Amino acid sequence: MSKRPEDMTLEELTAYQEKHRKQMEENREKLRQRKTRTHKMVVIGATVAKYKP
């Protein structure tokens, strides 16, 4: 069972916040990568549709 942030010591809270920051940054990076892939697929699809009768 995990402690609530209100019950943590300063060191525990700092470690908890750092872990959360890392998770959030990883999630933001995954989102950027997903948006890049989606955009690439839209561009490729538009190019194919342009030349396909």
Protein backbone atom coordinates (compact mmCIF):
# COMPACT_ATOMS: atom_id res chain seq x y z
CA MET A 1 0.00 0.00 0.00
CA SER A 2 1.34 3.40 -0.94
CA LYS A 3 1.42 6.33 1.43
CA ARG A 4 -0.62 9.39 0.72
CA PRO A 5 1.47 12.44 -0.23
CA GLU A 6 0.28 14.19 2.94
CA ASP A 7 1.86 11.43 5.06
CA MET A 8 5.25 11.32 3.27
CA THR A 9 8.52 12.74 4.49
CA LEU A 10 10.20 15.42 2.41
CA GLU A 11 12.61 12.88 0.86
CA GLU A 12 9.80 10.47 -0.02
CA LEU A 13 7.72 13.25 -1.49
CA THR A 14 10.65 14.50 -3.59
CA ALA A 15 11.24 10.99 -4.96
CA TYR A 16 7.51 10.56 -5.63
CA GLN A 17 7.34 13.88 -7.51
CA GLU A 18 10.43 13.04 -9.58
CA LYS A 19 8.95 9.68 -10.54
CA HIS A 20 5.71 11.39 -11.56
CA ARG A 21 7.59 14.03 -13.59
CA LYS A 22 9.44 11.29 -15.48
CA GLN A 23 6.18 9.47 -16.22
CA MET A 24 4.57 12.67 -17.48
CA GLU A 25 7.55 13.46 -19.72
CA GLU A 26 7.48 9.92 -21.15
CA ASN A 27 3.75 10.31 -21.84
CA ARG A 28 4.33 13.66 -23.58
CA GLU A 29 7.07 12.10 -25.73
CA LYS A 30 4.82 9.18 -26.67
CA LEU A 31 2.11 11.66 -27.65
CA ARG A 32 4.56 13.65 -29.83
CA GLN A 33 5.69 10.46 -31.56
CA ARG A 34 2.10 9.33 -32.14
CA LYS A 35 1.13 12.70 -33.62
CA THR A 36 4.19 12.61 -35.89
CA ARG A 37 3.28 9.12 -37.14
CA THR A 38 -0.34 10.16 -37.70
CA HIS A 39 0.69 13.24 -39.65
CA LYS A 40 3.07 11.18 -41.76
CA MET A 41 0.29 8.71 -42.59
CA VAL A 42 -2.10 11.54 -43.53
CA VAL A 43 0.52 13.04 -45.87
CA ILE A 44 1.26 9.68 -47.48
CA GLY A 45 -2.46 8.94 -47.85
CA ALA A 46 -3.09 12.33 -49.45
CA THR A 47 -0.23 11.80 -51.90
CA VAL A 48 -1.53 8.37 -52.88
CA ALA A 49 -5.08 9.69 -53.25
CA LYS A 50 -3.82 12.51 -55.46
CA TYR A 51 -2.29 10.13 -58.01
CA LYS A 52 -4.84 7.32 -57.80
CA PRO A 53 -7.69 7.81 -60.28
